[in-house]
Amino acid sequence: MREPDLYAVLGVEPSATTRAIISAFRRRARELRPDTRVDAVTAARFGSVTAAYETLRDPVRRAAYDRARRRPSRGPAGLAQPDRPARGHPVVPGAAAPEPPLRAGPVHWEPGGRTTR
């Protein structure tokens, strides 16, 4: 089942600012008023509006959501293409991802031959 478009749930464009998202959430919350409307449909709609707001108001979650929205790339036959790993490693279904290369930070050399980080 496909998840709903969070921008459509709040009624904003994907280019909306954080202020516009907050304003749209408040407007939808006033419409759905969970304290005065007690039916199951309204409660479900309010839950989806709240979930959309929680995702879109946080810049990190919003960026991850936007990446996931753009993710399904279509090949020439219209089929979804598998993710391509970095640095040419082959994709092996069910196998663990390779560990990233070990990286070390800068080393500070002190007089007398001691090193510190």
PDB file of N, CA and C in Angstrom:
ATOM      1  N   MET A   1       0.838  -1.174   0.000  1.00  0.00           N
ATOM      2  CA  MET A   1       0.000   0.000   0.000  1.00  0.00           C
ATOM      3  C   MET A   1       0.885   1.239   0.000  1.00  0.00           C
ATOM      4  N   ARG A   2       0.527   2.209  -0.794  1.00  0.00           N
ATOM      5  CA  ARG A   2       1.311   3.420  -0.926  1.00  0.00           C
ATOM      6  C   ARG A   2       0.943   4.401   0.170  1.00  0.00           C
ATOM      7  N   GLU A   3       1.955   5.006   0.786  1.00  0.00           N
ATOM      8  CA  GLU A   3       1.685   5.963   1.857  1.00  0.00           C
ATOM      9  C   GLU A   3       1.228   7.283   1.257  1.00  0.00           C
ATOM     10  N   PRO A   4       0.406   8.043   1.976  1.00  0.00           N
ATOM     11  CA  PRO A   4      -0.120   9.294   1.431  1.00  0.00           C
ATOM     12  C   PRO A   4       0.970  10.352   1.320  1.00  0.00           C
ATOM     13  N   ASP A   5       0.757  11.297   0.411  1.00  0.00           N
ATOM     14  CA  ASP A   5       1.671  12.417   0.254  1.00  0.00           C
ATOM     15  C   ASP A   5       1.453  13.368   1.432  1.00  0.00           C
ATOM     16  N   LEU A   6       2.487  13.550   2.252  1.00  0.00           N
ATOM     17  CA  LEU A   6       2.347  14.358   3.461  1.00  0.00           C
ATOM     18  C   LEU A   6       2.071  15.818   3.143  1.00  0.00           C
ATOM     19  N   TYR A   7       2.597  16.298   2.035  1.00  0.00           N
ATOM     20  CA  TYR A   7       2.323  17.684   1.648  1.00  0.00           C
ATOM     21  C   TYR A   7       0.848  17.865   1.295  1.00  0.00           C
ATOM     22  N   ALA A   8       0.270  16.869   0.618  1.00  0.00           N
ATOM     23  CA  ALA A   8      -1.150  16.937   0.266  1.00  0.00           C
ATOM     24  C   ALA A   8      -2.027  16.831   1.513  1.00  0.00           C
ATOM     25  N   VAL A   9      -1.602  16.044   2.490  1.00  0.00           N
ATOM     26  CA  VAL A   9      -2.378  15.903   3.732  1.00  0.00           C
ATOM     27  C   VAL A   9      -2.512  17.255   4.422  1.00  0.00           C
ATOM     28  N   LEU A  10      -1.423  18.029   4.432  1.00  0.00           N
ATOM     29  CA  LEU A  10      -1.467  19.353   5.054  1.00  0.00           C
ATOM     30  C   LEU A  10      -1.981  20.432   4.104  1.00  0.00           C
ATOM     31  N   GLY A  11      -2.013  20.139   2.812  1.00  0.00           N
ATOM     32  CA  GLY A  11      -2.494  21.112   1.845  1.00  0.00           C
ATOM     33  C   GLY A  11      -1.460  22.181   1.509  1.00  0.00           C
ATOM     34  N   VAL A  12      -0.178  21.804   1.463  1.00  0.00           N
ATOM     35  CA  VAL A  12       0.886  22.747   1.122  1.00  0.00           C
ATOM     36  C   VAL A  12       1.700  22.192  -0.042  1.00  0.00           C
ATOM     37  N   GLU A  13       2.455  23.063  -0.675  1.00  0.00           N
ATOM     38  CA  GLU A  13       3.349  22.669  -1.753  1.00  0.00           C
ATOM     39  C   GLU A  13       4.636  22.087  -1.157  1.00  0.00           C
ATOM     40  N   PRO A  14       5.364  21.248  -1.892  1.00  0.00           N
ATOM     41  CA  PRO A  14       6.642  20.726  -1.395  1.00  0.00           C
ATOM     42  C   PRO A  14       7.682  21.817  -1.139  1.00  0.00           C
ATOM     43  N   SER A  15       7.521  22.974  -1.754  1.00  0.00           N
ATOM     44  CA  SER A  15       8.461  24.069  -1.543  1.00  0.00           C
ATOM     45  C   SER A  15       8.050  24.977  -0.375  1.00  0.00           C
ATOM     46  N   ALA A  16       7.048  24.580   0.395  1.00  0.00           N
ATOM     47  CA  ALA A  16       6.529  25.412   1.484  1.00  0.00           C
ATOM     48  C   ALA A  16       7.574  25.621   2.572  1.00  0.00           C
ATOM     49  N   THR A  17       7.522  26.792   3.179  1.00  0.00           N
ATOM     50  CA  THR A  17       8.422  27.099   4.284  1.00  0.00           C
ATOM     51  C   THR A  17       7.911  26.433   5.558  1.00  0.00           C
ATOM     52  N   THR A  18       8.751  26.448   6.576  1.00  0.00           N
ATOM     53  CA  THR A  18       8.346  25.885   7.862  1.00  0.00           C
ATOM     54  C   THR A  18       7.154  26.644   8.428  1.00  0.00           C
ATOM     55  N   ARG A  19       7.144  27.951   8.244  1.00  0.00           N
ATOM     56  CA  ARG A  19       6.007  28.763   8.721  1.00  0.00           C
ATOM     57  C   ARG A  19       4.713  28.360   8.044  1.00  0.00           C
ATOM     58  N   ALA A  20       4.781  28.121   6.736  1.00  0.00           N
ATOM     59  CA  ALA A  20       3.580  27.714   6.001  1.00  0.00           C
ATOM     60  C   ALA A  20       3.097  26.344   6.478  1.00  0.00           C
ATOM     61  N   ILE A  21       4.017  25.455   6.794  1.00  0.00           N
ATOM     62  CA  ILE A  21       3.642  24.123   7.284  1.00  0.00           C
ATOM     63  C   ILE A  21       2.969  24.225   8.647  1.00  0.00           C
ATOM     64  N   ILE A  22       3.516  25.054   9.527  1.00  0.00           N
ATOM     65  CA  ILE A  22       2.915  25.246  10.848  1.00  0.00           C
ATOM     66  C   ILE A  22       1.522  25.843  10.709  1.00  0.00           C
ATOM     67  N   SER A  23       1.386  26.842   9.844  1.00  0.00           N
ATOM     68  CA  SER A  23       0.097  27.485   9.624  1.00  0.00           C
ATOM     69  C   SER A  23      -0.926  26.497   9.069  1.00  0.00           C
ATOM     70  N   ALA A  24      -0.509  25.678   8.117  1.00  0.00           N
ATOM     71  CA  ALA A  24      -1.418  24.690   7.535  1.00  0.00           C
ATOM     72  C   ALA A  24      -1.843  23.665   8.581  1.00  0.00           C
ATOM     73  N   PHE A  25      -0.911  23.235   9.423  1.00  0.00           N
ATOM     74  CA  PHE A  25      -1.264  22.277  10.480  1.00  0.00           C
ATOM     75  C   PHE A  25      -2.288  22.876  11.432  1.00  0.00           C
ATOM     76  N   ARG A  26      -2.059  24.109  11.847  1.00  0.00           N
ATOM     77  CA  ARG A  26      -3.011  24.756  12.771  1.00  0.00           C
ATOM     78  C   ARG A  26      -4.390  24.898  12.138  1.00  0.00           C
ATOM     79  N   ARG A  27      -4.425  25.233  10.849  1.00  0.00           N
ATOM     80  CA  ARG A  27      -5.706  25.366  10.151  1.00  0.00           C
ATOM     81  C   ARG A  27      -6.424  24.021  10.099  1.00  0.00           C
ATOM     82  N   ARG A  28      -5.690  22.947   9.752  1.00  0.00           N
ATOM     83  CA  ARG A  28      -6.296  21.611   9.702  1.00  0.00           C
ATOM     84  C   ARG A  28      -6.727  21.149  11.097  1.00  0.00           C
ATOM     85  N   ALA A  29      -5.936  21.459  12.110  1.00  0.00           N
ATOM     86  CA  ALA A  29      -6.289  21.057  13.476  1.00  0.00           C
ATOM     87  C   ALA A  29      -7.579  21.737  13.925  1.00  0.00           C
ATOM     88  N   ARG A  30      -7.750  23.014  13.540  1.00  0.00           N
ATOM     89  CA  ARG A  30      -8.998  23.708  13.879  1.00  0.00           C
ATOM     90  C   ARG A  30     -10.189  23.074  13.164  1.00  0.00           C
ATOM     91  N   GLU A  31      -9.979  22.631  11.918  1.00  0.00           N
ATOM     92  CA  GLU A  31     -11.070  21.997  11.172  1.00  0.00           C
ATOM     93  C   GLU A  31     -11.485  20.663  11.800  1.00  0.00           C
ATOM     94  N   LEU A  32     -10.519  19.914  12.267  1.00  0.00           N
ATOM     95  CA  LEU A  32     -10.790  18.549  12.731  1.00  0.00           C
ATOM     96  C   LEU A  32     -11.045  18.448  14.225  1.00  0.00           C
ATOM     97  N   ARG A  33     -10.698  19.436  14.994  1.00  0.00           N
ATOM     98  CA  ARG A  33     -10.960  19.540  16.433  1.00  0.00           C
ATOM     99  C   ARG A  33     -11.268  18.210  17.119  1.00  0.00           C
ATOM    100  N   PRO A  34     -10.263  17.464  17.535  1.00  0.00           N
ATOM    101  CA  PRO A  34     -10.516  16.154  18.140  1.00  0.00           C
ATOM    102  C   PRO A  34     -11.266  16.237  19.465  1.00  0.00           C
ATOM    103  N   ASP A  35     -11.281  17.399  20.105  1.00  0.00           N
ATOM    104  CA  ASP A  35     -12.009  17.502  21.372  1.00  0.00           C
ATOM    105  C   ASP A  35     -13.507  17.739  21.172  1.00  0.00           C
ATOM    106  N   THR A  36     -13.930  18.165  19.966  1.00  0.00           N
ATOM    107  CA  THR A  36     -15.361  18.383  19.735  1.00  0.00           C
ATOM    108  C   THR A  36     -15.962  17.382  18.762  1.00  0.00           C
ATOM    109  N   ARG A  37     -15.140  16.818  17.881  1.00  0.00           N
ATOM    110  CA  ARG A  37     -15.621  15.806  16.935  1.00  0.00           C
ATOM    111  C   ARG A  37     -15.102  14.457  17.391  1.00  0.00           C
ATOM    112  N   VAL A  38     -16.004  13.547  17.649  1.00  0.00           N
ATOM    113  CA  VAL A  38     -15.614  12.296  18.277  1.00  0.00           C
ATOM    114  C   VAL A  38     -15.760  11.091  17.344  1.00  0.00           C
ATOM    115  N   ASP A  39     -16.039  11.298  16.059  1.00  0.00           N
ATOM    116  CA  ASP A  39     -16.198  10.132  15.192  1.00  0.00           C
ATOM    117  C   ASP A  39     -14.845   9.569  14.762  1.00  0.00           C
ATOM    118  N   ALA A  40     -14.852   8.318  14.322  1.00  0.00           N
ATOM    119  CA  ALA A  40     -13.609   7.606  14.005  1.00  0.00           C
ATOM    120  C   ALA A  40     -12.922   8.163  12.763  1.00  0.00           C
ATOM    121  N   VAL A  41     -13.689   8.626  11.792  1.00  0.00           N
ATOM    122  CA  VAL A  41     -13.115   9.149  10.557  1.00  0.00           C
ATOM    123  C   VAL A  41     -12.325  10.427  10.845  1.00  0.00           C
ATOM    124  N   THR A  42     -12.908  11.307  11.638  1.00  0.00           N
ATOM    125  CA  THR A  42     -12.225  12.551  11.985  1.00  0.00           C
ATOM    126  C   THR A  42     -10.977  12.266  12.807  1.00  0.00           C
ATOM    127  N   ALA A  43     -11.063  11.320  13.717  1.00  0.00           N
ATOM    128  CA  ALA A  43      -9.893  10.970  14.527  1.00  0.00           C
ATOM    129  C   ALA A  43      -8.771  10.424  13.643  1.00  0.00           C
ATOM    130  N   ALA A  44      -9.108   9.616  12.655  1.00  0.00           N
ATOM    131  CA  ALA A  44      -8.099   9.080  11.744  1.00  0.00           C
ATOM    132  C   ALA A  44      -7.485  10.192  10.899  1.00  0.00           C
ATOM    133  N   ARG A  45      -8.314  11.107  10.417  1.00  0.00           N
ATOM    134  CA  ARG A  45      -7.790  12.226   9.625  1.00  0.00           C
ATOM    135  C   ARG A  45      -6.897  13.111  10.472  1.00  0.00           C
ATOM    136  N   PHE A  46      -7.287  13.353  11.725  1.00  0.00           N
ATOM    137  CA  PHE A  46      -6.457  14.172  12.606  1.00  0.00           C
ATOM    138  C   PHE A  46      -5.122  13.478  12.873  1.00  0.00           C
ATOM    139  N   GLY A  47      -5.160  12.158  13.032  1.00  0.00           N
ATOM    140  CA  GLY A  47      -3.928  11.400  13.234  1.00  0.00           C
ATOM    141  C   GLY A  47      -2.993  11.512  12.039  1.00  0.00           C
ATOM    142  N   SER A  48      -3.542  11.460  10.819  1.00  0.00           N
ATOM    143  CA  SER A  48      -2.694  11.580   9.632  1.00  0.00           C
ATOM    144  C   SER A  48      -2.151  12.995   9.480  1.00  0.00           C
ATOM    145  N   VAL A  49      -2.942  13.999   9.836  1.00  0.00           N
ATOM    146  CA  VAL A  49      -2.470  15.391   9.785  1.00  0.00           C
ATOM    147  C   VAL A  49      -1.351  15.592  10.798  1.00  0.00           C
ATOM    148  N   THR A  50      -1.505  15.053  11.984  1.00  0.00           N
ATOM    149  CA  THR A  50      -0.477  15.181  13.012  1.00  0.00           C
ATOM    150  C   THR A  50       0.808  14.473  12.596  1.00  0.00           C
ATOM    151  N   ALA A  51       0.689  13.293  12.020  1.00  0.00           N
ATOM    152  CA  ALA A  51       1.874  12.561  11.565  1.00  0.00           C
ATOM    153  C   ALA A  51       2.592  13.318  10.451  1.00  0.00           C
ATOM    154  N   ALA A  52       1.826  13.900   9.543  1.00  0.00           N
ATOM    155  CA  ALA A  52       2.431  14.688   8.461  1.00  0.00           C
ATOM    156  C   ALA A  52       3.160  15.893   9.022  1.00  0.00           C
ATOM    157  N   TYR A  53       2.554  16.558   9.981  1.00  0.00           N
ATOM    158  CA  TYR A  53       3.175  17.736  10.591  1.00  0.00           C
ATOM    159  C   TYR A  53       4.452  17.358  11.337  1.00  0.00           C
ATOM    160  N   GLU A  54       4.420  16.257  12.078  1.00  0.00           N
ATOM    161  CA  GLU A  54       5.603  15.814  12.819  1.00  0.00           C
ATOM    162  C   GLU A  54       6.776  15.539  11.885  1.00  0.00           C
ATOM    163  N   THR A  55       6.490  15.007  10.712  1.00  0.00           N
ATOM    164  CA  THR A  55       7.552  14.715   9.755  1.00  0.00           C
ATOM    165  C   THR A  55       8.041  15.982   9.068  1.00  0.00           C
ATOM    166  N   LEU A  56       7.132  16.828   8.621  1.00  0.00           N
ATOM    167  CA  LEU A  56       7.521  17.977   7.805  1.00  0.00           C
ATOM    168  C   LEU A  56       8.063  19.154   8.609  1.00  0.00           C
ATOM    169  N   ARG A  57       7.776  19.222   9.890  1.00  0.00           N
ATOM    170  CA  ARG A  57       8.288  20.366  10.657  1.00  0.00           C
ATOM    171  C   ARG A  57       9.754  20.187  11.042  1.00  0.00           C
ATOM    172  N   ASP A  58      10.226  18.945  11.100  1.00  0.00           N
ATOM    173  CA  ASP A  58      11.614  18.660  11.453  1.00  0.00           C
ATOM    174  C   ASP A  58      12.447  18.645  10.169  1.00  0.00           C
ATOM    175  N   PRO A  59      13.457  19.518  10.042  1.00  0.00           N
ATOM    176  CA  PRO A  59      14.229  19.591   8.795  1.00  0.00           C
ATOM    177  C   PRO A  59      14.907  18.276   8.418  1.00  0.00           C
ATOM    178  N   VAL A  60      15.370  17.508   9.378  1.00  0.00           N
ATOM    179  CA  VAL A  60      16.044  16.250   9.073  1.00  0.00           C
ATOM    180  C   VAL A  60      15.039  15.218   8.555  1.00  0.00           C
ATOM    181  N   ARG A  61      13.919  15.086   9.235  1.00  0.00           N
ATOM    182  CA  ARG A  61      12.890  14.142   8.785  1.00  0.00           C
ATOM    183  C   ARG A  61      12.326  14.557   7.432  1.00  0.00           C
ATOM    184  N   ARG A  62      12.150  15.864   7.240  1.00  0.00           N
ATOM    185  CA  ARG A  62      11.607  16.360   5.977  1.00  0.00           C
ATOM    186  C   ARG A  62      12.563  16.036   4.827  1.00  0.00           C
ATOM    187  N   ALA A  63      13.860  16.251   5.038  1.00  0.00           N
ATOM    188  CA  ALA A  63      14.840  15.945   3.994  1.00  0.00           C
ATOM    189  C   ALA A  63      14.830  14.448   3.668  1.00  0.00           C
ATOM    190  N   ALA A  64      14.728  13.609   4.697  1.00  0.00           N
ATOM    191  CA  ALA A  64      14.677  12.162   4.466  1.00  0.00           C
ATOM    192  C   ALA A  64      13.398  11.783   3.706  1.00  0.00           C
ATOM    193  N   TYR A  65      12.285  12.407   4.057  1.00  0.00           N
ATOM    194  CA  TYR A  65      11.028  12.142   3.364  1.00  0.00           C
ATOM    195  C   TYR A  65      11.115  12.574   1.899  1.00  0.00           C
ATOM    196  N   ASP A  66      11.699  13.745   1.655  1.00  0.00           N
ATOM    197  CA  ASP A  66      11.841  14.231   0.281  1.00  0.00           C
ATOM    198  C   ASP A  66      12.734  13.307  -0.538  1.00  0.00           C
ATOM    199  N   ARG A  67      13.813  12.804   0.069  1.00  0.00           N
ATOM    200  CA  ARG A  67      14.673  11.843  -0.642  1.00  0.00           C
ATOM    201  C   ARG A  67      13.903  10.568  -0.959  1.00  0.00           C
ATOM    202  N   ALA A  68      13.110  10.102  -0.013  1.00  0.00           N
ATOM    203  CA  ALA A  68      12.337   8.873  -0.224  1.00  0.00           C
ATOM    204  C   ALA A  68      11.267   9.070  -1.290  1.00  0.00           C
ATOM    205  N   ARG A  69      10.714  10.257  -1.392  1.00  0.00           N
ATOM    206  CA  ARG A  69       9.711  10.540  -2.427  1.00  0.00           C
ATOM    207  C   ARG A  69      10.326  10.485  -3.814  1.00  0.00           C
ATOM    208  N   ARG A  70      11.556  10.947  -3.934  1.00  0.00           N
ATOM    209  CA  ARG A  70      12.221  10.972  -5.231  1.00  0.00           C
ATOM    210  C   ARG A  70      12.921   9.659  -5.548  1.00  0.00           C
ATOM    211  N   ARG A  71      13.009   8.760  -4.589  1.00  0.00           N
ATOM    212  CA  ARG A  71      13.825   7.561  -4.696  1.00  0.00           C
ATOM    213  C   ARG A  71      13.482   6.626  -5.842  1.00  0.00           C
ATOM    214  N   PRO A  72      12.223   6.259  -6.060  1.00  0.00           N
ATOM    215  CA  PRO A  72      11.958   5.248  -7.086  1.00  0.00           C
ATOM    216  C   PRO A  72      12.352   5.764  -8.475  1.00  0.00           C
ATOM    217  N   SER A  73      13.547   5.429  -8.910  1.00  0.00           N
ATOM    218  CA  SER A  73      13.968   5.825 -10.246  1.00  0.00           C
ATOM    219  C   SER A  73      13.474   4.775 -11.227  1.00  0.00           C
ATOM    220  N   ARG A  74      13.035   5.208 -12.363  1.00  0.00           N
ATOM    221  CA  ARG A  74      12.487   4.298 -13.367  1.00  0.00           C
ATOM    222  C   ARG A  74      13.482   4.110 -14.495  1.00  0.00           C
ATOM    223  N   GLY A  75      13.668   2.886 -14.873  1.00  0.00           N
ATOM    224  CA  GLY A  75      14.578   2.559 -15.966  1.00  0.00           C
ATOM    225  C   GLY A  75      13.869   2.674 -17.301  1.00  0.00           C
ATOM    226  N   PRO A  76      14.533   2.252 -18.371  1.00  0.00           N
ATOM    227  CA  PRO A  76      13.939   2.373 -19.691  1.00  0.00           C
ATOM    228  C   PRO A  76      12.666   1.548 -19.863  1.00  0.00           C
ATOM    229  N   ALA A  77      12.535   0.433 -19.162  1.00  0.00           N
ATOM    230  CA  ALA A  77      11.345  -0.404 -19.283  1.00  0.00           C
ATOM    231  C   ALA A  77      10.252   0.026 -18.307  1.00  0.00           C
ATOM    232  N   GLY A  78      10.501   1.095 -17.523  1.00  0.00           N
ATOM    233  CA  GLY A  78       9.520   1.553 -16.554  1.00  0.00           C
ATOM    234  C   GLY A  78       9.586   0.809 -15.241  1.00  0.00           C
ATOM    235  N   LEU A  79      10.591  -0.041 -15.074  1.00  0.00           N
ATOM    236  CA  LEU A  79      10.735  -0.805 -13.842  1.00  0.00           C
ATOM    237  C   LEU A  79      11.641  -0.062 -12.879  1.00  0.00           C
ATOM    238  N   ALA A  80      11.374  -0.212 -11.600  1.00  0.00           N
ATOM    239  CA  ALA A  80      12.220   0.433 -10.593  1.00  0.00           C
ATOM    240  C   ALA A  80      13.612  -0.163 -10.641  1.00  0.00           C
ATOM    241  N   GLN A  81      14.623   0.680 -10.598  1.00  0.00           N
ATOM    242  CA  GLN A  81      16.009   0.242 -10.649  1.00  0.00           C
ATOM    243  C   GLN A  81      16.517   0.046  -9.226  1.00  0.00           C
ATOM    244  N   PRO A  82      17.336  -0.974  -8.970  1.00  0.00           N
ATOM    245  CA  PRO A  82      17.883  -1.173  -7.623  1.00  0.00           C
ATOM    246  C   PRO A  82      18.873  -0.071  -7.278  1.00  0.00           C
ATOM    247  N   ASP A  83      19.050   0.160  -6.002  1.00  0.00           N
ATOM    248  CA  ASP A  83      20.024   1.154  -5.547  1.00  0.00           C
ATOM    249  C   ASP A  83      21.411   0.716  -5.985  1.00  0.00           C
ATOM    250  N   ARG A  84      22.182   1.661  -6.379  1.00  0.00           N
ATOM    251  CA  ARG A  84      23.564   1.365  -6.758  1.00  0.00           C
ATOM    252  C   ARG A  84      24.463   1.741  -5.592  1.00  0.00           C
ATOM    253  N   PRO A  85      25.267   0.812  -5.111  1.00  0.00           N
ATOM    254  CA  PRO A  85      26.139   1.121  -3.988  1.00  0.00           C
ATOM    255  C   PRO A  85      27.292   2.018  -4.432  1.00  0.00           C
ATOM    256  N   ALA A  86      27.886   2.691  -3.472  1.00  0.00           N
ATOM    257  CA  ALA A  86      29.018   3.571  -3.737  1.00  0.00           C
ATOM    258  C   ALA A  86      30.252   2.750  -4.082  1.00  0.00           C
ATOM    259  N   ARG A  87      31.117   3.329  -4.863  1.00  0.00           N
ATOM    260  CA  ARG A  87      32.431   2.756  -5.202  1.00  0.00           C
ATOM    261  C   ARG A  87      32.356   1.415  -5.918  1.00  0.00           C
ATOM    262  N   GLY A  88      31.272   1.151  -6.636  1.00  0.00           N
ATOM    263  CA  GLY A  88      31.213  -0.017  -7.488  1.00  0.00           C
ATOM    264  C   GLY A  88      31.058  -1.355  -6.800  1.00  0.00           C
ATOM    265  N   HIS A  89      30.701  -1.403  -5.527  1.00  0.00           N
ATOM    266  CA  HIS A  89      30.475  -2.676  -4.859  1.00  0.00           C
ATOM    267  C   HIS A  89      29.182  -3.285  -5.391  1.00  0.00           C
ATOM    268  N   PRO A  90      29.143  -4.568  -5.655  1.00  0.00           N
ATOM    269  CA  PRO A  90      27.922  -5.177  -6.182  1.00  0.00           C
ATOM    270  C   PRO A  90      26.849  -5.288  -5.105  1.00  0.00           C
ATOM    271  N   VAL A  91      25.616  -5.246  -5.532  1.00  0.00           N
ATOM    272  CA  VAL A  91      24.485  -5.431  -4.626  1.00  0.00           C
ATOM    273  C   VAL A  91      24.207  -6.917  -4.532  1.00  0.00           C
ATOM    274  N   VAL A  92      24.276  -7.463  -3.332  1.00  0.00           N
ATOM    275  CA  VAL A  92      23.995  -8.875  -3.105  1.00  0.00           C
ATOM    276  C   VAL A  92      22.775  -8.936  -2.190  1.00  0.00           C
ATOM    277  N   PRO A  93      21.632  -9.397  -2.707  1.00  0.00           N
ATOM    278  CA  PRO A  93      20.434  -9.450  -1.878  1.00  0.00           C
ATOM    279  C   PRO A  93      20.654 -10.287  -0.625  1.00  0.00           C
ATOM    280  N   GLY A  94      20.258  -9.766   0.515  1.00  0.00           N
ATOM    281  CA  GLY A  94      20.360 -10.479   1.775  1.00  0.00           C
ATOM    282  C   GLY A  94      21.716 -10.384   2.442  1.00  0.00           C
ATOM    283  N   ALA A  95      22.704  -9.806   1.771  1.00  0.00           N
ATOM    284  CA  ALA A  95      24.042  -9.695   2.356  1.00  0.00           C
ATOM    285  C   ALA A  95      24.152  -8.389   3.138  1.00  0.00           C
ATOM    286  N   ALA A  96      25.020  -8.395   4.125  1.00  0.00           N
ATOM    287  CA  ALA A  96      25.242  -7.183   4.915  1.00  0.00           C
ATOM    288  C   ALA A  96      25.984  -6.153   4.067  1.00  0.00           C
ATOM    289  N   ALA A  97      25.701  -4.891   4.311  1.00  0.00           N
ATOM    290  CA  ALA A  97      26.366  -3.821   3.577  1.00  0.00           C
ATOM    291  C   ALA A  97      27.834  -3.763   3.982  1.00  0.00           C
ATOM    292  N   PRO A  98      28.726  -3.437   3.047  1.00  0.00           N
ATOM    293  CA  PRO A  98      30.143  -3.346   3.403  1.00  0.00           C
ATOM    294  C   PRO A  98      30.376  -2.190   4.364  1.00  0.00           C
ATOM    295  N   GLU A  99      31.354  -2.361   5.231  1.00  0.00           N
ATOM    296  CA  GLU A  99      31.667  -1.306   6.189  1.00  0.00           C
ATOM    297  C   GLU A  99      32.346  -0.149   5.474  1.00  0.00           C
ATOM    298  N   PRO A 100      32.087   1.072   5.935  1.00  0.00           N
ATOM    299  CA  PRO A 100      32.744   2.213   5.295  1.00  0.00           C
ATOM    300  C   PRO A 100      34.235   2.195   5.605  1.00  0.00           C
ATOM    301  N   PRO A 101      35.039   2.856   4.777  1.00  0.00           N
ATOM    302  CA  PRO A 101      36.481   2.870   5.042  1.00  0.00           C
ATOM    303  C   PRO A 101      36.786   3.577   6.359  1.00  0.00           C
ATOM    304  N   LEU A 102      37.840   3.146   7.004  1.00  0.00           N
ATOM    305  CA  LEU A 102      38.252   3.737   8.269  1.00  0.00           C
ATOM    306  C   LEU A 102      38.841   5.107   7.999  1.00  0.00           C
ATOM    307  N   ARG A 103      38.400   6.086   8.733  1.00  0.00           N
ATOM    308  CA  ARG A 103      38.905   7.444   8.571  1.00  0.00           C
ATOM    309  C   ARG A 103      39.443   7.931   9.908  1.00  0.00           C
ATOM    310  N   ALA A 104      40.548   8.637   9.848  1.00  0.00           N
ATOM    311  CA  ALA A 104      41.159   9.185  11.052  1.00  0.00           C
ATOM    312  C   ALA A 104      41.182  10.701  10.936  1.00  0.00           C
ATOM    313  N   GLY A 105      41.041  11.369  12.053  1.00  0.00           N
ATOM    314  CA  GLY A 105      41.076  12.823  12.077  1.00  0.00           C
ATOM    315  C   GLY A 105      42.499  13.353  12.021  1.00  0.00           C
ATOM    316  N   PRO A 106      42.635  14.667  12.067  1.00  0.00           N
ATOM    317  CA  PRO A 106      43.979  15.250  12.015  1.00  0.00           C
ATOM    318  C   PRO A 106      44.773  14.908  13.273  1.00  0.00           C
ATOM    319  N   VAL A 107      46.080  14.807  13.107  1.00  0.00           N
ATOM    320  CA  VAL A 107      46.976  14.490  14.217  1.00  0.00           C
ATOM    321  C   VAL A 107      47.796  15.727  14.528  1.00  0.00           C
ATOM    322  N   HIS A 108      47.880  16.066  15.790  1.00  0.00           N
ATOM    323  CA  HIS A 108      48.652  17.226  16.230  1.00  0.00           C
ATOM    324  C   HIS A 108      49.986  16.734  16.780  1.00  0.00           C
ATOM    325  N   TRP A 109      51.061  17.202  16.188  1.00  0.00           N
ATOM    326  CA  TRP A 109      52.391  16.796  16.635  1.00  0.00           C
ATOM    327  C   TRP A 109      52.907  17.804  17.632  1.00  0.00           C
ATOM    328  N   GLU A 110      53.324  17.328  18.793  1.00  0.00           N
ATOM    329  CA  GLU A 110      53.908  18.193  19.818  1.00  0.00           C
ATOM    330  C   GLU A 110      55.412  18.023  19.833  1.00  0.00           C
ATOM    331  N   PRO A 111      56.113  19.046  20.273  1.00  0.00           N
ATOM    332  CA  PRO A 111      57.570  18.894  20.409  1.00  0.00           C
ATOM    333  C   PRO A 111      57.891  17.751  21.375  1.00  0.00           C
ATOM    334  N   GLY A 112      58.876  17.001  21.090  1.00  0.00           N
ATOM    335  CA  GLY A 112      59.259  15.878  21.943  1.00  0.00           C
ATOM    336  C   GLY A 112      58.748  14.558  21.396  1.00  0.00           C
ATOM    337  N   GLY A 113      58.052  14.560  20.250  1.00  0.00           N
ATOM    338  CA  GLY A 113      57.662  13.327  19.633  1.00  0.00           C
ATOM    339  C   GLY A 113      56.322  12.769  20.083  1.00  0.00           C
ATOM    340  N   ARG A 114      55.582  13.433  20.978  1.00  0.00           N
ATOM    341  CA  ARG A 114      54.269  12.931  21.405  1.00  0.00           C
ATOM    342  C   ARG A 114      53.198  13.356  20.390  1.00  0.00           C
ATOM    343  N   THR A 115      52.252  12.502  20.184  1.00  0.00           N
ATOM    344  CA  THR A 115      51.118  12.840  19.312  1.00  0.00           C
ATOM    345  C   THR A 115      49.837  12.837  20.117  1.00  0.00           C
ATOM    346  N   THR A 116      48.960  13.732  19.778  1.00  0.00           N
ATOM    347  CA  THR A 116      47.653  13.797  20.445  1.00  0.00           C
ATOM    348  C   THR A 116      46.597  13.982  19.377  1.00  0.00           C
ATOM    349  N   ARG A 117      45.393  13.669  19.761  1.00  0.00           N
ATOM    350  CA  ARG A 117      44.243  13.923  18.881  1.00  0.00           C
ATOM    351  C   ARG A 117      43.312  14.857  19.546  1.00  0.00           C
TER     352      ARG A 117
END
